[in-house]
Amino acid sequence: MDVKQEIIDAMKGSGSTAPPAIFTQTGTVGMMEACGCPWPDSIFNRDKLIKLALQPHELFGFSTIRIPFDITAEATVLGCETDRGNSCRQPAVIKSPFDTGEFPEPPEFMPVDEFLASGRVAMHIEAAQKISEEHPDLFLTSAMIGPMSVASYLTGMENYMMAMFMTPDTAKAWIERMLPYQCAYAKALSEASDNVFIITEGSEDINPPELFDEFVGAYEPTLLSYVKDSFSTVHTCGTTDHVLEKLASLGSTALSVEASRDPQGVFDRVSSKVKLIGGVDPLKVLLQGTPEDVVRSAKMFAGIGYPVIAPECGVPPQTPNDCLMALAKYREA
């Protein structure tokens, strides 16, 4: 059996030995040097993006491919200005016409069809289609962000967080305005991918648990309902202790959270509700650890019962090749 089929089986709940995968961002300096496609060029050029995204497979043997490398495409298409970043830093939203100091009512934006045909939103859809046609042997994960994240980019993160408390109806109106764009994007990505990876706003570090139901739970199931032709994975960075069960009940196939602080506890709490993607620490283990540390962590998660073994968050750009090889081959160690 090939490893892609093992991942498919694991996502369906019928797998046996947990396969290695990477569903989070994969761009590292080592991979960029190997293929001659550094950031930021490989973030803004479709063919270079695909070439860099193929490196986990070509260098280490992963049967997964993941696009894109950043989370600014949607906000950029809708009017934000983006810093392109560099070889070690992803693009970042630096300016928005709607971040004016006062929290505004959401304006009318472009039609949804125009959004899908614009900028890097269109490029990511095209890249997913090209990968699925040319590399059907690889398990393709396409990533996007949730509507609250787009809203916070457009209005300014601090402004949006304040509005959640001070003018919650207006803050929710921004989510409702963004939701049709993200639903259409999710549907288009699912038609060309094996898995749509939706980065949600569930982290307690930026979204108080008491507001989860209003600002995430009320909208994310609708977004996930548009992922009709692939698996779906909900991902949240940061602390999720008080919202873990809610994240697991949004309706996704799988859940990716920072589980390395309490691997067994996370598994015990939600493994009956959702498939868990776990959970190698990308900083302490992949970046700062040894290959032996990587194998030890991967085998621990597999032993607990996590069906797919992967980094719990984005792979740091400076991650050494030998640690990624150790993850890809952890079952052989």
Protein backbone atom coordinates (compact mmCIF):
# COMPACT_ATOMS: atom_id res chain seq x y z
CA MET A 1 0.00 0.00 0.00
CA ASP A 2 1.35 3.48 -0.84
CA VAL A 3 1.56 6.08 1.90
CA LYS A 4 -1.01 8.38 0.26
CA GLN A 5 -3.56 5.60 0.59
CA GLU A 6 -2.52 5.17 4.21
CA ILE A 7 -3.30 8.84 4.82
CA ILE A 8 -6.65 8.51 3.09
CA ASP A 9 -7.45 5.46 5.20
CA ALA A 10 -6.38 7.29 8.36
CA MET A 11 -8.62 10.24 7.52
CA LYS A 12 -11.48 7.80 7.00
CA GLY A 13 -10.76 6.13 10.32
CA SER A 14 -9.67 2.81 8.87
CA GLY A 15 -5.89 3.13 9.08
CA SER A 16 -3.57 0.95 11.13
CA THR A 17 -0.05 2.41 11.40
CA ALA A 18 -0.05 6.22 11.62
CA PRO A 19 1.57 7.63 8.44
CA PRO A 20 3.80 10.72 8.50
CA ALA A 21 2.49 13.85 6.82
CA ILE A 22 2.81 17.62 6.71
CA PHE A 23 -0.46 19.55 6.55
CA THR A 24 1.05 22.84 7.78
CA GLN A 25 3.36 25.17 5.86
CA THR A 26 6.41 23.35 4.50
CA GLY A 27 8.83 25.95 3.11
CA THR A 28 12.32 25.72 4.59
CA VAL A 29 15.60 27.28 3.56
CA GLY A 30 17.02 23.82 2.84
CA MET A 31 14.19 23.06 0.44
CA MET A 32 14.46 26.48 -1.19
CA GLU A 33 18.17 25.93 -1.83
CA ALA A 34 17.55 22.44 -3.18
CA CYS A 35 15.09 23.55 -5.85
CA GLY A 36 16.22 27.13 -6.47
CA CYS A 37 12.86 28.60 -5.51
CA PRO A 38 13.31 30.84 -2.46
CA TRP A 39 10.71 32.97 -0.75
CA PRO A 40 9.24 35.39 -1.59
CA ASP A 41 9.36 34.51 -5.31
CA SER A 42 7.92 31.03 -4.69
CA ILE A 43 5.04 32.56 -2.75
CA PHE A 44 3.96 34.86 -5.58
CA ASN A 45 4.71 32.69 -8.62
CA ARG A 46 2.51 29.64 -9.29
CA ASP A 47 5.09 27.35 -10.84
CA LYS A 48 7.78 28.19 -8.30
CA LEU A 49 5.24 27.65 -5.52
CA ILE A 50 4.51 24.18 -6.85
CA LYS A 51 8.19 23.34 -7.27
CA LEU A 52 8.98 24.31 -3.68
CA ALA A 53 5.86 22.57 -2.38
CA LEU A 54 7.03 19.33 -4.01
CA GLN A 55 10.28 19.28 -2.04
CA PRO A 56 9.02 17.39 1.05
CA HIS A 57 8.22 14.53 -1.32
CA GLU A 58 11.29 14.80 -3.53
CA LEU A 59 13.84 15.26 -0.72
CA PHE A 60 12.35 13.20 2.09
CA GLY A 61 9.71 10.92 0.63
CA PHE A 62 6.57 12.42 2.17
CA SER A 63 3.48 11.55 0.16
CA THR A 64 1.95 14.91 1.08
CA ILE A 65 2.13 18.28 -0.62
CA ARG A 66 0.81 21.47 0.94
CA ILE A 67 0.06 24.89 -0.50
CA PRO A 68 0.36 27.84 0.04
CA PHE A 69 3.16 29.04 2.34
CA ASP A 70 1.36 32.04 3.85
CA ILE A 71 -2.10 33.26 4.93
CA THR A 72 -2.45 36.69 3.34
CA ALA A 73 -3.95 35.94 -0.08
CA GLU A 74 -7.60 36.58 0.75
CA ALA A 75 -7.02 39.86 2.58
CA THR A 76 -4.71 41.09 -0.19
CA VAL A 77 -7.32 40.46 -2.87
CA LEU A 78 -9.87 42.38 -0.77
CA GLY A 79 -7.67 45.45 -0.48
CA CYS A 80 -4.88 45.00 2.06
CA GLU A 81 -1.27 45.94 1.38
CA THR A 82 1.22 43.13 1.97
CA ASP A 83 4.92 43.09 2.82
CA ARG A 84 6.36 40.36 0.57
CA GLY A 85 8.70 39.01 3.28
CA ASN A 86 12.04 37.36 2.57
CA SER A 87 13.66 33.92 2.49
CA CYS A 88 13.01 33.38 6.20
CA ARG A 89 9.84 35.40 6.70
CA GLN A 90 6.41 34.96 5.19
CA PRO A 91 4.37 37.86 3.79
CA ALA A 92 2.45 39.98 6.29
CA VAL A 93 -0.46 42.37 6.01
CA ILE A 94 0.90 45.84 6.81
CA LYS A 95 -1.90 48.21 5.76
CA SER A 96 -5.63 48.18 5.10
CA PRO A 97 -7.89 50.94 3.79
CA PHE A 98 -10.44 49.93 6.43
CA ASP A 99 -8.08 50.31 9.41
CA THR A 100 -8.84 53.97 10.05
CA GLY A 101 -8.87 54.18 13.84
CA GLU A 102 -12.62 53.81 14.18
CA PHE A 103 -14.24 50.44 13.67
CA PRO A 104 -16.35 50.78 10.50
CA GLU A 105 -19.41 49.04 9.19
CA PRO A 106 -18.38 46.55 6.47
CA PRO A 107 -18.65 48.04 2.98
CA GLU A 108 -19.68 46.24 -0.17
CA PHE A 109 -16.81 44.33 -1.74
CA MET A 110 -16.29 42.76 -5.15
CA PRO A 111 -18.56 39.94 -6.36
CA VAL A 112 -17.57 36.47 -5.17
CA ASP A 113 -16.75 35.30 -8.70
CA GLU A 114 -14.35 38.20 -9.12
CA PHE A 115 -12.71 37.31 -5.79
CA LEU A 116 -12.11 33.74 -6.95
CA ALA A 117 -10.60 34.97 -10.22
CA SER A 118 -8.27 37.53 -8.61
CA GLY A 119 -4.68 37.60 -7.39
CA ARG A 120 -3.25 34.78 -5.36
CA VAL A 121 -6.68 33.38 -4.56
CA ALA A 122 -6.95 32.45 -8.22
CA MET A 123 -3.31 31.37 -8.29
CA HIS A 124 -3.79 28.97 -5.38
CA ILE A 125 -6.84 27.41 -7.02
CA GLU A 126 -4.88 27.01 -10.27
CA ALA A 127 -1.90 25.54 -8.39
CA ALA A 128 -4.15 23.00 -6.67
CA GLN A 129 -5.67 22.00 -10.00
CA LYS A 130 -2.26 21.62 -11.64
CA ILE A 131 -0.88 19.55 -8.75
CA SER A 132 -3.89 17.23 -8.69
CA GLU A 133 -3.56 16.65 -12.43
CA GLU A 134 0.22 16.17 -12.53
CA HIS A 135 0.82 14.47 -9.16
CA PRO A 136 -2.19 12.29 -8.36
CA ASP A 137 0.09 10.10 -6.24
CA LEU A 138 0.48 12.87 -3.65
CA PHE A 139 -2.03 13.82 -0.94
CA LEU A 140 -2.69 17.52 -1.55
CA THR A 141 -3.63 19.83 1.31
CA SER A 142 -4.71 23.36 0.36
CA ALA A 143 -4.89 25.89 3.18
CA MET A 144 -7.01 28.97 3.82
CA ILE A 145 -8.09 31.11 6.75
CA GLY A 146 -11.46 31.56 8.38
CA PRO A 147 -13.75 34.58 7.89
CA MET A 148 -12.93 36.14 11.25
CA SER A 149 -9.23 36.19 10.36
CA VAL A 150 -9.95 37.93 7.06
CA ALA A 151 -12.12 40.45 8.89
CA SER A 152 -9.38 41.16 11.43
CA TYR A 153 -6.80 41.69 8.67
CA LEU A 154 -9.10 44.16 6.94
CA THR A 155 -10.00 46.14 10.05
CA GLY A 156 -6.79 45.73 12.06
CA MET A 157 -6.28 42.98 14.63
CA GLU A 158 -6.39 45.23 17.71
CA ASN A 159 -9.41 47.11 16.38
CA TYR A 160 -11.23 43.87 15.71
CA MET A 161 -10.48 42.39 19.13
CA MET A 162 -11.77 45.57 20.78
CA ALA A 163 -14.88 45.55 18.60
CA MET A 164 -15.71 42.00 19.70
CA PHE A 165 -16.43 43.48 23.14
CA MET A 166 -17.50 47.05 22.34
CA THR A 167 -19.54 46.65 19.12
CA PRO A 168 -20.07 42.90 18.71
CA ASP A 169 -22.86 43.24 16.16
CA THR A 170 -20.59 45.19 13.83
CA ALA A 171 -17.74 42.74 14.42
CA LYS A 172 -20.06 39.87 13.48
CA ALA A 173 -21.29 41.80 10.45
CA TRP A 174 -17.71 41.75 9.15
CA ILE A 175 -17.58 37.97 9.53
CA GLU A 176 -20.90 37.64 7.72
CA ARG A 177 -19.59 39.82 4.90
CA MET A 178 -16.45 37.69 4.55
CA LEU A 179 -18.21 34.31 4.84
CA PRO A 180 -19.46 34.05 1.21
CA TYR A 181 -15.93 34.63 -0.10
CA GLN A 182 -14.42 32.00 2.17
CA CYS A 183 -17.19 29.49 1.47
CA ALA A 184 -16.65 29.85 -2.28
CA TYR A 185 -12.87 29.59 -1.83
CA ALA A 186 -13.23 26.47 0.32
CA LYS A 187 -15.47 24.86 -2.29
CA ALA A 188 -13.06 25.65 -5.13
CA LEU A 189 -10.08 24.31 -3.18
CA SER A 190 -11.95 21.15 -2.21
CA GLU A 191 -12.71 20.41 -5.86
CA ALA A 192 -8.98 20.30 -6.60
CA SER A 193 -7.50 18.95 -3.34
CA ASP A 194 -7.51 15.92 -1.09
CA ASN A 195 -7.80 18.04 2.03
CA VAL A 196 -8.77 21.64 2.79
CA PHE A 197 -6.92 22.98 5.81
CA ILE A 198 -8.87 25.82 7.45
CA ILE A 199 -6.96 27.93 9.94
CA THR A 200 -9.54 29.02 12.51
CA GLU A 201 -9.59 31.71 15.15
CA GLY A 202 -10.07 29.42 18.13
CA SER A 203 -6.85 30.24 19.96
CA GLU A 204 -7.52 31.50 23.47
CA ASP A 205 -4.46 33.73 23.09
CA ILE A 206 -6.42 36.06 20.80
CA ASN A 207 -10.06 34.96 21.07
CA PRO A 208 -11.53 34.67 24.59
CA PRO A 209 -13.21 31.28 25.11
CA GLU A 210 -16.46 32.93 26.14
CA LEU A 211 -16.72 34.48 22.67
CA PHE A 212 -15.98 31.29 20.74
CA ASP A 213 -19.60 30.37 20.07
CA GLU A 214 -20.50 33.84 18.77
CA PHE A 215 -17.48 34.45 16.56
CA VAL A 216 -16.31 30.98 15.51
CA GLY A 217 -18.94 28.38 16.31
CA ALA A 218 -21.69 30.35 14.63
CA TYR A 219 -19.87 30.52 11.27
CA GLU A 220 -17.27 27.78 10.90
CA PRO A 221 -19.75 24.90 10.37
CA THR A 222 -21.20 26.81 7.41
CA LEU A 223 -17.73 27.24 5.95
CA LEU A 224 -16.94 23.56 6.43
CA SER A 225 -20.20 22.57 4.73
CA TYR A 226 -18.76 23.91 1.45
CA VAL A 227 -15.88 21.43 1.58
CA LYS A 228 -17.80 18.76 -0.33
CA ASP A 229 -15.19 17.06 -2.48
CA SER A 230 -12.31 16.47 -0.06
CA PHE A 231 -11.41 15.92 3.54
CA SER A 232 -11.27 18.96 5.81
CA THR A 233 -8.95 19.84 8.67
CA VAL A 234 -9.51 22.58 11.23
CA HIS A 235 -6.26 24.02 12.57
CA THR A 236 -5.76 26.38 15.49
CA CYS A 237 -2.45 27.69 16.76
CA GLY A 238 -1.93 28.47 20.44
CA THR A 239 -3.88 27.51 23.53
CA THR A 240 -7.18 25.67 23.06
CA ASP A 241 -7.72 24.16 26.52
CA HIS A 242 -11.21 25.62 27.04
CA VAL A 243 -12.50 25.25 23.48
CA LEU A 244 -11.02 21.90 22.43
CA GLU A 245 -14.31 20.01 22.40
CA LYS A 246 -15.97 22.85 20.51
CA LEU A 247 -13.24 22.81 17.87
CA ALA A 248 -13.67 19.05 17.54
CA SER A 249 -17.41 19.47 16.98
CA LEU A 250 -17.35 22.07 14.17
CA GLY A 251 -17.75 19.40 11.51
CA SER A 252 -14.29 18.85 10.06
CA THR A 253 -12.80 15.47 9.23
CA ALA A 254 -9.69 16.17 11.28
CA LEU A 255 -8.37 18.55 13.92
CA SER A 256 -4.87 19.99 14.20
CA VAL A 257 -4.01 21.76 17.46
CA GLU A 258 -0.92 22.29 19.56
CA ALA A 259 -1.11 18.98 21.40
CA SER A 260 2.52 18.54 22.41
CA ARG A 261 1.94 20.03 25.87
CA ASP A 262 -0.58 17.30 26.71
CA PRO A 263 -0.67 14.62 23.98
CA GLN A 264 -2.62 12.05 25.97
CA GLY A 265 -5.04 14.59 27.40
CA VAL A 266 -5.95 16.01 23.99
CA PHE A 267 -6.42 12.51 22.58
CA ASP A 268 -8.60 11.39 25.49
CA ARG A 269 -10.82 14.45 25.24
CA VAL A 270 -11.65 14.56 21.53
CA SER A 271 -10.40 11.50 19.62
CA SER A 272 -13.91 10.04 19.66
CA LYS A 273 -15.23 13.17 17.92
CA VAL A 274 -12.63 13.87 15.23
CA LYS A 275 -9.45 12.50 13.67
CA LEU A 276 -6.42 14.07 15.35
CA ILE A 277 -3.41 15.26 13.38
CA GLY A 278 -0.56 15.13 15.83
CA GLY A 279 1.45 16.67 17.04
CA VAL A 280 5.29 17.01 16.74
CA ASP A 281 6.42 20.33 18.20
CA PRO A 282 7.88 22.31 15.28
CA LEU A 283 10.10 24.52 17.44
CA LYS A 284 11.42 22.40 20.29
CA VAL A 285 11.60 19.15 18.33
CA LEU A 286 11.88 19.83 14.58
CA LEU A 287 13.89 23.05 14.72
CA GLN A 288 15.88 22.70 17.94
CA GLY A 289 15.89 18.95 18.47
CA THR A 290 17.78 16.03 16.98
CA PRO A 291 16.53 13.38 14.55
CA GLU A 292 16.29 11.04 17.53
CA ASP A 293 14.02 13.56 19.28
CA VAL A 294 11.79 13.68 16.21
CA VAL A 295 11.48 9.89 16.02
CA ARG A 296 10.79 9.68 19.75
CA SER A 297 8.01 12.29 19.54
CA ALA A 298 6.45 10.79 16.42
CA LYS A 299 6.39 7.30 17.91
CA MET A 300 4.88 8.64 21.14
CA PHE A 301 1.96 10.21 19.26
CA ALA A 302 1.51 7.07 17.16
CA GLY A 303 1.55 4.95 20.30
CA ILE A 304 -1.16 7.06 21.89
CA GLY A 305 -3.32 6.54 18.83
CA TYR A 306 -3.08 9.69 16.71
CA PRO A 307 -3.98 8.46 13.20
CA VAL A 308 -1.69 10.87 11.29
CA ILE A 309 1.67 12.12 12.56
CA ALA A 310 2.64 15.63 11.49
CA PRO A 311 4.01 18.93 12.80
CA GLU A 312 1.43 20.57 15.04
CA CYS A 313 2.02 23.98 13.44
CA GLY A 314 3.99 25.48 10.54
CA VAL A 315 7.47 24.10 9.89
CA PRO A 316 10.03 26.84 10.77
CA PRO A 317 12.06 27.98 7.74
CA GLN A 318 15.36 27.10 9.42
CA THR A 319 14.35 23.49 10.21
CA PRO A 320 17.24 21.16 9.30
CA ASN A 321 16.78 18.56 6.60
CA ASP A 322 17.78 15.66 8.82
CA CYS A 323 14.94 16.33 11.24
CA LEU A 324 12.40 16.36 8.40
CA MET A 325 13.89 13.13 7.07
CA ALA A 326 13.53 11.62 10.54
CA LEU A 327 9.83 12.52 10.58
CA ALA A 328 9.27 11.08 7.11
CA LYS A 329 11.00 7.82 8.06
CA TYR A 330 10.05 7.59 11.73
CA ARG A 331 8.44 4.16 11.35
CA GLU A 332 11.66 2.70 10.03
CA ALA A 333 13.79 3.85 12.99
